[in-house]
Amino acid sequence: MFAVLKTGGKQYKVQAGDMLRVEKLAADAGEKIQFNDILMLGGDSPVLGAPMVDGAAVQAEVVEQIKGEKLTHFVKRRRKHGSQRTKGHRQKLTLVKITEILTSGAGDTGVKAAIGAGSAPKTAEAAPAKTAPAKKSAPKAEAKADASGDDLTKINGIGPAAAGKLNEAGITSFAQLAALSEDDIAAMNAVKVKPDWVEQAKELAKG
């Protein structure tokens, strides 16, 4: 008795005891599997599927995961390119031994179905964990004064950029700005302090 099964997009005629190389399956060596896509059963009473034979199956034991013969692929580009490349490839295969052909009752055996490695569902551990993107810090030029300081942008002529530079220079309050002397202002390189800023700061510092 023989059977014609379908796996990996190909058809194979098998009998009990045959060794078969098929497209890689999601199974380990020594594991028992079952091919459920049976196109035909042959023997004294042949049965043709429409397209599959209901209840029929082929059981097999996984011998090992192997690679096929090396295939050489030569690529040559025509006309102006003038390039050529040779690539090698070895197809991943699974070697199985056919143990039994079932004409009926395939759904009640409890044997693992033969599934291609590319069709097997991926486990949650295989998927890389997604990490939340790091938040970008606000530019220093737009940063306001610390919670303990004053909002220097309330002074006419001081924008977010100037306020940020004043904060970097250690001036975070109206009182500090109002206490600047002419020498202090001349020594500052980060930002050019205008005299009217100092006057406005003195008024705001009084509250």
N, C-alpha and C. Protein backbone atom coordinates (compact mmCIF):
# COMPACT_ATOMS: atom_id res chain seq x y z
N MET A 1 0.84 -1.19 0.00
CA MET A 1 0.00 0.00 0.00
C MET A 1 0.88 1.25 0.00
N PHE A 2 0.47 2.24 -0.74
CA PHE A 2 1.22 3.49 -0.78
C PHE A 2 0.25 4.66 -0.66
N ALA A 3 0.84 5.83 -0.43
CA ALA A 3 0.04 7.06 -0.31
C ALA A 3 0.80 8.18 -1.00
N VAL A 4 0.03 9.14 -1.50
CA VAL A 4 0.61 10.36 -2.08
C VAL A 4 0.27 11.51 -1.15
N LEU A 5 1.28 12.08 -0.52
CA LEU A 5 1.06 13.16 0.44
C LEU A 5 1.59 14.47 -0.11
N LYS A 6 1.14 15.54 0.47
CA LYS A 6 1.56 16.88 0.06
C LYS A 6 2.13 17.62 1.26
N THR A 7 3.34 18.16 1.09
CA THR A 7 3.97 18.97 2.13
C THR A 7 5.00 19.89 1.49
N GLY A 8 5.11 21.10 2.00
CA GLY A 8 6.09 22.05 1.46
C GLY A 8 5.85 22.41 0.01
N GLY A 9 4.58 22.30 -0.46
CA GLY A 9 4.29 22.62 -1.84
C GLY A 9 4.67 21.53 -2.82
N LYS A 10 5.07 20.36 -2.33
CA LYS A 10 5.47 19.24 -3.19
C LYS A 10 4.66 18.00 -2.85
N GLN A 11 4.63 17.04 -3.78
CA GLN A 11 3.92 15.79 -3.60
C GLN A 11 4.92 14.64 -3.55
N TYR A 12 4.67 13.67 -2.67
CA TYR A 12 5.58 12.53 -2.50
C TYR A 12 4.76 11.24 -2.44
N LYS A 13 5.24 10.22 -3.14
CA LYS A 13 4.65 8.89 -3.08
C LYS A 13 5.47 8.08 -2.07
N VAL A 14 4.81 7.59 -1.02
CA VAL A 14 5.54 6.95 0.08
C VAL A 14 4.90 5.62 0.44
N GLN A 15 5.70 4.77 1.06
CA GLN A 15 5.26 3.50 1.65
C GLN A 15 5.86 3.40 3.04
N ALA A 16 5.32 2.52 3.87
CA ALA A 16 5.86 2.32 5.21
C ALA A 16 7.31 1.85 5.12
N GLY A 17 8.18 2.50 5.89
CA GLY A 17 9.60 2.16 5.89
C GLY A 17 10.45 3.06 5.02
N ASP A 18 9.82 3.91 4.19
CA ASP A 18 10.59 4.80 3.31
C ASP A 18 11.25 5.91 4.11
N MET A 19 12.43 6.31 3.65
CA MET A 19 13.11 7.49 4.18
C MET A 19 12.82 8.64 3.21
N LEU A 20 12.41 9.78 3.75
CA LEU A 20 11.95 10.88 2.91
C LEU A 20 12.57 12.19 3.36
N ARG A 21 13.04 12.99 2.40
CA ARG A 21 13.54 14.33 2.69
C ARG A 21 12.50 15.34 2.23
N VAL A 22 12.02 16.17 3.16
CA VAL A 22 10.99 17.15 2.84
C VAL A 22 11.46 18.53 3.29
N GLU A 23 10.73 19.55 2.86
CA GLU A 23 11.02 20.92 3.32
C GLU A 23 10.99 20.96 4.84
N LYS A 24 11.82 21.79 5.43
CA LYS A 24 12.01 21.80 6.88
C LYS A 24 10.70 21.88 7.64
N LEU A 25 10.55 20.99 8.62
CA LEU A 25 9.36 20.94 9.46
C LEU A 25 9.67 21.44 10.87
N ALA A 26 8.66 21.92 11.55
CA ALA A 26 8.81 22.39 12.93
C ALA A 26 8.70 21.19 13.87
N ALA A 27 9.76 20.40 13.95
CA ALA A 27 9.78 19.21 14.79
C ALA A 27 11.22 18.87 15.13
N ASP A 28 11.40 18.16 16.24
CA ASP A 28 12.73 17.77 16.70
C ASP A 28 13.01 16.32 16.34
N ALA A 29 14.29 15.97 16.32
CA ALA A 29 14.68 14.59 16.02
C ALA A 29 14.08 13.63 17.05
N GLY A 30 13.54 12.50 16.56
CA GLY A 30 12.92 11.52 17.43
C GLY A 30 11.44 11.75 17.66
N GLU A 31 10.93 12.89 17.21
CA GLU A 31 9.52 13.22 17.42
C GLU A 31 8.65 12.54 16.36
N LYS A 32 7.45 12.14 16.76
CA LYS A 32 6.51 11.51 15.84
C LYS A 32 5.57 12.57 15.27
N ILE A 33 5.38 12.56 13.96
CA ILE A 33 4.54 13.56 13.31
C ILE A 33 3.57 12.86 12.36
N GLN A 34 2.60 13.64 11.89
CA GLN A 34 1.57 13.08 11.02
C GLN A 34 1.26 14.03 9.87
N PHE A 35 1.34 13.51 8.64
CA PHE A 35 0.98 14.27 7.45
C PHE A 35 -0.51 14.05 7.17
N ASN A 36 -1.27 15.12 7.20
CA ASN A 36 -2.73 15.01 7.03
C ASN A 36 -3.22 15.34 5.63
N ASP A 37 -2.36 15.92 4.80
CA ASP A 37 -2.77 16.26 3.43
C ASP A 37 -2.45 15.08 2.51
N ILE A 38 -3.39 14.17 2.38
CA ILE A 38 -3.20 12.97 1.58
C ILE A 38 -4.04 13.10 0.30
N LEU A 39 -3.37 13.05 -0.85
CA LEU A 39 -4.04 13.22 -2.14
C LEU A 39 -4.58 11.90 -2.68
N MET A 40 -3.93 10.79 -2.31
CA MET A 40 -4.34 9.50 -2.87
C MET A 40 -3.86 8.37 -1.99
N LEU A 41 -4.64 7.32 -1.93
CA LEU A 41 -4.26 6.07 -1.30
C LEU A 41 -4.25 5.00 -2.39
N GLY A 42 -3.15 4.27 -2.50
CA GLY A 42 -3.03 3.24 -3.52
C GLY A 42 -3.00 1.85 -2.91
N GLY A 43 -3.23 0.86 -3.73
CA GLY A 43 -3.24 -0.52 -3.27
C GLY A 43 -4.31 -1.30 -4.00
N ASP A 44 -4.93 -2.25 -3.30
CA ASP A 44 -5.98 -3.06 -3.91
C ASP A 44 -7.22 -2.23 -4.23
N SER A 45 -7.51 -1.24 -3.38
CA SER A 45 -8.68 -0.37 -3.60
C SER A 45 -8.22 1.08 -3.57
N PRO A 46 -7.72 1.60 -4.69
CA PRO A 46 -7.23 2.98 -4.71
C PRO A 46 -8.32 3.99 -4.37
N VAL A 47 -7.92 5.04 -3.66
CA VAL A 47 -8.85 6.11 -3.28
C VAL A 47 -8.24 7.44 -3.70
N LEU A 48 -8.99 8.22 -4.47
CA LEU A 48 -8.54 9.55 -4.89
C LEU A 48 -9.23 10.61 -4.05
N GLY A 49 -8.46 11.59 -3.60
CA GLY A 49 -9.02 12.67 -2.80
C GLY A 49 -9.70 13.72 -3.66
N ALA A 50 -10.54 14.52 -3.01
CA ALA A 50 -11.25 15.58 -3.73
C ALA A 50 -11.25 16.89 -2.94
N PRO A 51 -10.13 17.58 -2.76
CA PRO A 51 -8.80 17.16 -3.26
C PRO A 51 -8.05 16.24 -2.30
N MET A 52 -8.47 16.17 -1.01
CA MET A 52 -7.79 15.33 -0.04
C MET A 52 -8.67 14.14 0.33
N VAL A 53 -8.04 13.08 0.80
CA VAL A 53 -8.77 11.90 1.25
C VAL A 53 -9.16 12.12 2.71
N ASP A 54 -10.46 12.12 2.99
CA ASP A 54 -10.94 12.37 4.34
C ASP A 54 -10.51 11.24 5.29
N GLY A 55 -9.96 11.68 6.45
CA GLY A 55 -9.59 10.71 7.49
C GLY A 55 -8.28 10.00 7.26
N ALA A 56 -7.64 10.19 6.11
CA ALA A 56 -6.38 9.50 5.83
C ALA A 56 -5.20 10.33 6.33
N ALA A 57 -4.11 9.65 6.63
CA ALA A 57 -2.91 10.33 7.12
C ALA A 57 -1.71 9.42 6.95
N VAL A 58 -0.54 10.02 7.00
CA VAL A 58 0.72 9.28 6.96
C VAL A 58 1.53 9.69 8.19
N GLN A 59 1.88 8.72 9.01
CA GLN A 59 2.66 8.99 10.21
C GLN A 59 4.13 8.70 9.94
N ALA A 60 4.99 9.51 10.57
CA ALA A 60 6.43 9.36 10.36
C ALA A 60 7.18 9.75 11.61
N GLU A 61 8.43 9.38 11.66
CA GLU A 61 9.33 9.75 12.77
C GLU A 61 10.45 10.63 12.23
N VAL A 62 10.68 11.75 12.90
CA VAL A 62 11.73 12.66 12.47
C VAL A 62 13.09 12.07 12.82
N VAL A 63 13.92 11.91 11.79
CA VAL A 63 15.26 11.35 12.00
C VAL A 63 16.24 12.47 12.39
N GLU A 64 16.30 13.52 11.57
CA GLU A 64 17.17 14.66 11.87
C GLU A 64 16.85 15.82 10.94
N GLN A 65 17.35 17.00 11.33
CA GLN A 65 17.25 18.20 10.49
C GLN A 65 18.55 18.28 9.69
N ILE A 66 18.45 18.38 8.38
CA ILE A 66 19.63 18.35 7.51
C ILE A 66 19.60 19.51 6.53
N LYS A 67 20.65 19.58 5.71
CA LYS A 67 20.71 20.55 4.62
C LYS A 67 20.92 19.80 3.31
N GLY A 68 20.30 20.31 2.25
CA GLY A 68 20.44 19.69 0.95
C GLY A 68 21.77 20.01 0.31
N GLU A 69 21.93 19.51 -0.93
CA GLU A 69 23.17 19.77 -1.66
C GLU A 69 23.30 21.25 -1.98
N LYS A 70 24.55 21.69 -2.11
CA LYS A 70 24.79 23.10 -2.40
C LYS A 70 24.39 23.41 -3.84
N LEU A 71 23.60 24.47 -3.99
CA LEU A 71 23.17 24.92 -5.30
C LEU A 71 23.90 26.22 -5.62
N THR A 72 24.43 26.32 -6.82
CA THR A 72 25.15 27.51 -7.24
C THR A 72 24.28 28.34 -8.16
N HIS A 73 24.14 29.60 -7.82
CA HIS A 73 23.30 30.51 -8.60
C HIS A 73 24.19 31.59 -9.19
N PHE A 74 24.26 31.64 -10.51
CA PHE A 74 25.12 32.61 -11.20
C PHE A 74 24.25 33.72 -11.77
N VAL A 75 24.55 34.98 -11.38
CA VAL A 75 23.78 36.14 -11.83
C VAL A 75 24.69 37.03 -12.67
N LYS A 76 24.24 37.35 -13.86
CA LYS A 76 25.01 38.23 -14.73
C LYS A 76 24.10 39.31 -15.28
N ARG A 77 24.51 40.56 -15.11
CA ARG A 77 23.72 41.70 -15.60
C ARG A 77 24.20 42.08 -17.00
N ARG A 78 23.28 42.33 -17.85
CA ARG A 78 23.61 42.63 -19.24
C ARG A 78 23.84 44.12 -19.46
N ARG A 79 24.22 44.41 -20.69
CA ARG A 79 24.38 45.76 -21.21
C ARG A 79 25.39 46.56 -20.38
N LYS A 80 24.97 47.71 -19.86
CA LYS A 80 25.92 48.67 -19.29
C LYS A 80 26.51 48.22 -17.95
N HIS A 81 25.79 47.37 -17.24
CA HIS A 81 26.25 47.03 -15.89
C HIS A 81 27.52 46.20 -15.91
N GLY A 82 27.52 45.14 -16.70
CA GLY A 82 28.71 44.32 -16.82
C GLY A 82 29.15 43.66 -15.52
N SER A 83 28.22 43.41 -14.60
CA SER A 83 28.59 42.78 -13.32
C SER A 83 28.11 41.34 -13.31
N GLN A 84 28.78 40.52 -12.52
CA GLN A 84 28.38 39.13 -12.37
C GLN A 84 28.67 38.69 -10.95
N ARG A 85 27.85 37.75 -10.48
CA ARG A 85 27.97 37.32 -9.09
C ARG A 85 27.55 35.86 -8.98
N THR A 86 28.23 35.13 -8.15
CA THR A 86 27.91 33.73 -7.91
C THR A 86 27.49 33.56 -6.45
N LYS A 87 26.32 32.96 -6.25
CA LYS A 87 25.81 32.75 -4.90
C LYS A 87 25.58 31.26 -4.67
N GLY A 88 25.85 30.81 -3.45
CA GLY A 88 25.62 29.42 -3.08
C GLY A 88 24.48 29.32 -2.07
N HIS A 89 23.75 28.20 -2.13
CA HIS A 89 22.61 28.02 -1.23
C HIS A 89 22.44 26.54 -0.91
N ARG A 90 22.14 26.25 0.38
CA ARG A 90 21.82 24.89 0.80
C ARG A 90 20.47 24.91 1.49
N GLN A 91 19.50 24.25 0.89
CA GLN A 91 18.14 24.25 1.41
C GLN A 91 18.05 23.46 2.72
N LYS A 92 17.33 24.00 3.70
CA LYS A 92 17.12 23.29 4.97
C LYS A 92 16.01 22.25 4.78
N LEU A 93 16.30 21.01 5.16
CA LEU A 93 15.37 19.90 4.97
C LEU A 93 15.20 19.13 6.27
N THR A 94 14.18 18.28 6.30
CA THR A 94 13.94 17.39 7.43
C THR A 94 13.90 15.97 6.90
N LEU A 95 14.70 15.09 7.50
CA LEU A 95 14.72 13.68 7.12
C LEU A 95 13.76 12.92 8.02
N VAL A 96 12.77 12.24 7.41
CA VAL A 96 11.76 11.51 8.18
C VAL A 96 11.70 10.06 7.68
N LYS A 97 11.24 9.19 8.56
CA LYS A 97 11.02 7.78 8.21
C LYS A 97 9.53 7.49 8.32
N ILE A 98 8.94 7.03 7.22
CA ILE A 98 7.51 6.73 7.20
C ILE A 98 7.27 5.47 8.02
N THR A 99 6.36 5.57 8.99
CA THR A 99 6.10 4.42 9.88
C THR A 99 4.76 3.76 9.62
N GLU A 100 3.74 4.55 9.22
CA GLU A 100 2.41 3.94 9.05
C GLU A 100 1.55 4.81 8.14
N ILE A 101 0.69 4.14 7.37
CA ILE A 101 -0.28 4.83 6.52
C ILE A 101 -1.67 4.52 7.05
N LEU A 102 -2.41 5.56 7.42
CA LEU A 102 -3.75 5.40 7.97
C LEU A 102 -4.78 5.71 6.90
N THR A 103 -5.74 4.82 6.74
CA THR A 103 -6.80 5.06 5.76
C THR A 103 -7.98 5.80 6.36
N SER A 104 -8.06 5.83 7.70
CA SER A 104 -9.16 6.53 8.38
C SER A 104 -8.75 6.81 9.81
N GLY A 105 -9.53 7.67 10.48
CA GLY A 105 -9.30 7.97 11.90
C GLY A 105 -8.10 8.84 12.17
N ALA A 106 -7.67 9.63 11.20
CA ALA A 106 -6.48 10.47 11.41
C ALA A 106 -6.70 11.52 12.49
N GLY A 107 -7.93 12.00 12.62
CA GLY A 107 -8.20 13.07 13.59
C GLY A 107 -8.20 12.61 15.03
N ASP A 108 -8.22 11.30 15.27
CA ASP A 108 -8.30 10.78 16.65
C ASP A 108 -6.98 10.23 17.16
N THR A 109 -5.91 10.35 16.39
CA THR A 109 -4.63 9.76 16.82
C THR A 109 -3.92 10.60 17.87
N GLY A 110 -4.11 11.91 17.85
CA GLY A 110 -3.43 12.78 18.80
C GLY A 110 -1.98 13.03 18.47
N VAL A 111 -1.53 12.60 17.29
CA VAL A 111 -0.14 12.81 16.88
C VAL A 111 0.01 14.22 16.32
N LYS A 112 1.13 14.84 16.60
CA LYS A 112 1.40 16.21 16.15
C LYS A 112 1.39 16.30 14.63
N ALA A 113 0.69 17.29 14.09
CA ALA A 113 0.63 17.49 12.65
C ALA A 113 1.94 18.03 12.13
N ALA A 114 2.33 17.59 10.94
CA ALA A 114 3.56 18.05 10.31
C ALA A 114 3.33 19.44 9.74
N ILE A 115 4.00 20.43 10.31
CA ILE A 115 3.85 21.83 9.89
C ILE A 115 5.20 22.36 9.47
N GLY A 116 5.23 23.12 8.38
CA GLY A 116 6.47 23.71 7.92
C GLY A 116 7.03 24.68 8.93
N ALA A 117 8.35 24.78 8.99
CA ALA A 117 9.00 25.66 9.97
C ALA A 117 8.58 27.10 9.78
N GLY A 118 8.32 27.52 8.54
CA GLY A 118 7.92 28.89 8.29
C GLY A 118 6.49 29.18 8.70
N SER A 119 5.65 28.13 8.84
CA SER A 119 4.24 28.31 9.20
C SER A 119 4.00 28.14 10.68
N ALA A 120 4.99 27.65 11.43
CA ALA A 120 4.81 27.42 12.86
C ALA A 120 4.66 28.73 13.59
N PRO A 121 3.71 28.84 14.54
CA PRO A 121 3.54 30.08 15.29
C PRO A 121 4.74 30.38 16.16
N LYS A 122 5.13 31.64 16.20
CA LYS A 122 6.28 32.06 17.01
C LYS A 122 5.85 32.24 18.45
N THR A 123 6.75 31.89 19.38
CA THR A 123 6.46 32.06 20.80
C THR A 123 6.66 33.51 21.19
N ALA A 124 6.08 33.87 22.34
CA ALA A 124 6.18 35.26 22.80
C ALA A 124 7.61 35.61 23.14
N GLU A 125 8.42 34.59 23.57
CA GLU A 125 9.80 34.87 23.93
C GLU A 125 10.65 35.20 22.71
N ALA A 126 10.23 34.65 21.54
CA ALA A 126 11.04 34.89 20.35
C ALA A 126 10.94 36.33 19.87
N ALA A 127 9.79 36.97 20.14
CA ALA A 127 9.59 38.33 19.68
C ALA A 127 10.35 39.29 20.59
N PRO A 128 11.14 40.19 20.03
CA PRO A 128 11.89 41.14 20.86
C PRO A 128 10.95 42.11 21.55
N ALA A 129 11.24 42.38 22.81
CA ALA A 129 10.39 43.29 23.57
C ALA A 129 10.57 44.71 23.06
N LYS A 130 9.43 45.38 22.90
CA LYS A 130 9.48 46.75 22.42
C LYS A 130 9.72 47.69 23.59
N THR A 131 10.67 48.54 23.46
CA THR A 131 10.97 49.51 24.51
C THR A 131 10.42 50.86 24.13
N ALA A 132 9.93 51.58 25.11
CA ALA A 132 9.37 52.90 24.85
C ALA A 132 10.48 53.86 24.44
N PRO A 133 10.23 54.66 23.42
CA PRO A 133 11.27 55.60 22.99
C PRO A 133 11.58 56.62 24.07
N ALA A 134 12.84 56.95 24.19
CA ALA A 134 13.27 57.90 25.21
C ALA A 134 12.74 59.29 24.88
N LYS A 135 12.23 59.94 25.90
CA LYS A 135 11.70 61.29 25.70
C LYS A 135 12.85 62.28 25.53
N LYS A 136 12.70 63.15 24.57
CA LYS A 136 13.71 64.17 24.34
C LYS A 136 13.56 65.29 25.36
N SER A 137 14.67 65.69 25.90
CA SER A 137 14.63 66.77 26.87
C SER A 137 14.41 68.09 26.15
N ALA A 138 13.74 69.00 26.83
CA ALA A 138 13.47 70.30 26.23
C ALA A 138 14.76 71.07 26.06
N PRO A 139 14.90 71.84 24.99
CA PRO A 139 16.11 72.63 24.78
C PRO A 139 16.34 73.58 25.95
N LYS A 140 17.62 73.79 26.23
CA LYS A 140 17.94 74.67 27.35
C LYS A 140 17.44 76.08 27.10
N ALA A 141 17.40 76.48 25.83
CA ALA A 141 16.99 77.84 25.52
C ALA A 141 15.54 78.09 25.90
N GLU A 142 14.70 76.97 25.93
CA GLU A 142 13.30 77.14 26.24
C GLU A 142 13.00 76.84 27.70
N ALA A 143 14.03 76.46 28.46
CA ALA A 143 13.81 76.10 29.85
C ALA A 143 13.57 77.35 30.69
N LYS A 144 12.57 77.25 31.54
CA LYS A 144 12.29 78.36 32.45
C LYS A 144 13.12 78.21 33.71
N ALA A 145 12.96 79.15 34.60
CA ALA A 145 13.72 79.12 35.85
C ALA A 145 13.29 77.96 36.70
N ASP A 146 14.14 77.56 37.62
CA ASP A 146 13.82 76.48 38.53
C ASP A 146 12.59 76.83 39.35
N ALA A 147 12.05 75.81 40.03
CA ALA A 147 10.86 76.05 40.84
C ALA A 147 11.12 77.08 41.94
N SER A 148 12.38 77.16 42.39
CA SER A 148 12.71 78.12 43.45
C SER A 148 12.99 79.51 42.90
N GLY A 149 13.08 79.70 41.58
CA GLY A 149 13.39 80.99 40.99
C GLY A 149 12.16 81.68 40.42
N ASP A 150 12.41 82.73 39.64
CA ASP A 150 11.34 83.52 39.03
C ASP A 150 11.32 83.30 37.52
N ASP A 151 10.19 83.64 36.92
CA ASP A 151 10.07 83.55 35.46
C ASP A 151 10.64 84.82 34.85
N LEU A 152 11.89 84.75 34.39
CA LEU A 152 12.58 85.93 33.88
C LEU A 152 11.98 86.44 32.57
N THR A 153 11.15 85.63 31.91
CA THR A 153 10.56 86.09 30.65
C THR A 153 9.48 87.16 30.87
N LYS A 154 9.13 87.42 32.14
CA LYS A 154 8.18 88.50 32.43
C LYS A 154 8.80 89.87 32.19
N ILE A 155 10.12 89.91 32.10
CA ILE A 155 10.83 91.18 31.84
C ILE A 155 10.80 91.43 30.34
N ASN A 156 10.41 92.63 29.96
CA ASN A 156 10.36 92.98 28.55
C ASN A 156 11.75 92.90 27.93
N GLY A 157 11.86 92.14 26.83
CA GLY A 157 13.15 91.99 26.15
C GLY A 157 13.83 90.68 26.45
N ILE A 158 13.36 89.94 27.45
CA ILE A 158 13.93 88.64 27.77
C ILE A 158 12.99 87.56 27.26
N GLY A 159 13.48 86.84 26.29
CA GLY A 159 12.73 85.71 25.76
C GLY A 159 13.20 84.40 26.35
N PRO A 160 12.65 83.29 25.86
CA PRO A 160 13.06 81.98 26.40
C PRO A 160 14.56 81.70 26.23
N ALA A 161 15.13 82.15 25.10
CA ALA A 161 16.55 81.90 24.87
C ALA A 161 17.41 82.67 25.86
N ALA A 162 17.10 83.96 26.05
CA ALA A 162 17.88 84.78 26.99
C ALA A 162 17.69 84.29 28.41
N ALA A 163 16.45 83.87 28.75
CA ALA A 163 16.20 83.36 30.10
C ALA A 163 17.02 82.10 30.36
N GLY A 164 17.12 81.24 29.33
CA GLY A 164 17.91 80.03 29.49
C GLY A 164 19.38 80.33 29.72
N LYS A 165 19.91 81.32 29.00
CA LYS A 165 21.32 81.68 29.19
C LYS A 165 21.56 82.30 30.56
N LEU A 166 20.60 83.11 31.04
CA LEU A 166 20.72 83.69 32.38
C LEU A 166 20.71 82.59 33.44
N ASN A 167 19.83 81.59 33.25
CA ASN A 167 19.78 80.49 34.21
C ASN A 167 21.10 79.72 34.23
N GLU A 168 21.70 79.54 33.03
CA GLU A 168 22.99 78.86 32.97
C GLU A 168 24.07 79.65 33.68
N ALA A 169 23.92 80.97 33.68
CA ALA A 169 24.89 81.83 34.35
C ALA A 169 24.64 81.91 35.85
N GLY A 170 23.58 81.25 36.34
CA GLY A 170 23.29 81.22 37.77
C GLY A 170 22.27 82.26 38.21
N ILE A 171 21.69 82.99 37.27
CA ILE A 171 20.69 84.02 37.61
C ILE A 171 19.31 83.44 37.35
N THR A 172 18.59 83.14 38.43
CA THR A 172 17.28 82.51 38.31
C THR A 172 16.16 83.32 38.95
N SER A 173 16.49 84.48 39.53
CA SER A 173 15.45 85.27 40.21
C SER A 173 15.59 86.75 39.86
N PHE A 174 14.51 87.49 40.08
CA PHE A 174 14.53 88.93 39.84
C PHE A 174 15.55 89.61 40.74
N ALA A 175 15.66 89.15 42.00
CA ALA A 175 16.57 89.77 42.97
C ALA A 175 18.02 89.63 42.51
N GLN A 176 18.37 88.46 41.97
CA GLN A 176 19.73 88.27 41.50
C GLN A 176 20.05 89.18 40.32
N LEU A 177 19.07 89.32 39.41
CA LEU A 177 19.28 90.19 38.26
C LEU A 177 19.36 91.65 38.69
N ALA A 178 18.54 92.04 39.67
CA ALA A 178 18.54 93.42 40.14
C ALA A 178 19.83 93.78 40.87
N ALA A 179 20.50 92.78 41.45
CA ALA A 179 21.71 93.02 42.23
C ALA A 179 22.97 93.09 41.37
N LEU A 180 22.86 92.93 40.05
CA LEU A 180 24.03 92.96 39.19
C LEU A 180 24.59 94.38 39.09
N SER A 181 25.89 94.46 39.26
CA SER A 181 26.57 95.74 39.09
C SER A 181 27.05 95.88 37.66
N GLU A 182 27.58 97.06 37.32
CA GLU A 182 28.10 97.27 35.96
C GLU A 182 29.28 96.34 35.68
N ASP A 183 30.10 96.11 36.69
CA ASP A 183 31.23 95.20 36.51
C ASP A 183 30.75 93.76 36.26
N ASP A 184 29.67 93.37 37.01
CA ASP A 184 29.13 92.02 36.82
C ASP A 184 28.59 91.85 35.41
N ILE A 185 27.89 92.91 34.93
CA ILE A 185 27.30 92.85 33.60
C ILE A 185 28.40 92.77 32.54
N ALA A 186 29.48 93.52 32.75
CA ALA A 186 30.58 93.53 31.77
C ALA A 186 31.31 92.19 31.74
N ALA A 187 31.31 91.49 32.89
CA ALA A 187 32.04 90.22 32.97
C ALA A 187 31.25 89.06 32.39
N MET A 188 29.96 89.25 32.12
CA MET A 188 29.12 88.16 31.62
C MET A 188 29.31 88.01 30.11
N ASN A 189 29.66 86.81 29.68
CA ASN A 189 29.87 86.54 28.26
C ASN A 189 28.71 85.77 27.62
N ALA A 190 27.96 85.05 28.46
CA ALA A 190 26.90 84.19 27.91
C ALA A 190 25.77 85.00 27.32
N VAL A 191 25.41 86.13 27.97
CA VAL A 191 24.30 86.95 27.49
C VAL A 191 24.59 88.41 27.82
N LYS A 192 24.17 89.29 26.95
CA LYS A 192 24.39 90.72 27.17
C LYS A 192 23.19 91.28 27.91
N VAL A 193 23.41 91.66 29.16
CA VAL A 193 22.35 92.18 30.02
C VAL A 193 22.15 93.66 29.74
N LYS A 194 20.91 94.03 29.48
CA LYS A 194 20.59 95.44 29.21
C LYS A 194 20.23 96.15 30.51
N PRO A 195 20.58 97.43 30.60
CA PRO A 195 20.29 98.17 31.85
C PRO A 195 18.82 98.16 32.22
N ASP A 196 17.91 98.23 31.21
CA ASP A 196 16.48 98.27 31.56
C ASP A 196 16.00 96.96 32.15
N TRP A 197 16.75 95.84 31.86
CA TRP A 197 16.39 94.57 32.50
C TRP A 197 16.59 94.66 34.00
N VAL A 198 17.68 95.29 34.40
CA VAL A 198 17.98 95.42 35.82
C VAL A 198 16.92 96.27 36.51
N GLU A 199 16.51 97.38 35.86
CA GLU A 199 15.50 98.25 36.45
C GLU A 199 14.17 97.52 36.60
N GLN A 200 13.78 96.76 35.55
CA GLN A 200 12.52 96.02 35.64
C GLN A 200 12.59 94.94 36.71
N ALA A 201 13.79 94.33 36.85
CA ALA A 201 13.95 93.29 37.84
C ALA A 201 13.81 93.84 39.26
N LYS A 202 14.30 95.09 39.45
CA LYS A 202 14.17 95.70 40.79
C LYS A 202 12.72 95.91 41.15
N GLU A 203 11.89 96.33 40.14
CA GLU A 203 10.46 96.55 40.41
C GLU A 203 9.76 95.23 40.68
N LEU A 204 10.09 94.20 39.87
CA LEU A 204 9.42 92.91 40.07
C LEU A 204 9.86 92.25 41.36
N ALA A 205 11.09 92.48 41.81
CA ALA A 205 11.57 91.88 43.05
C ALA A 205 10.83 92.42 44.25
N LYS A 206 10.33 93.68 44.13
CA LYS A 206 9.59 94.26 45.26
C LYS A 206 8.23 93.57 45.42
N GLY A 207 7.79 92.92 44.34
CA GLY A 207 6.50 92.24 44.41
C GLY A 207 5.35 93.17 44.16
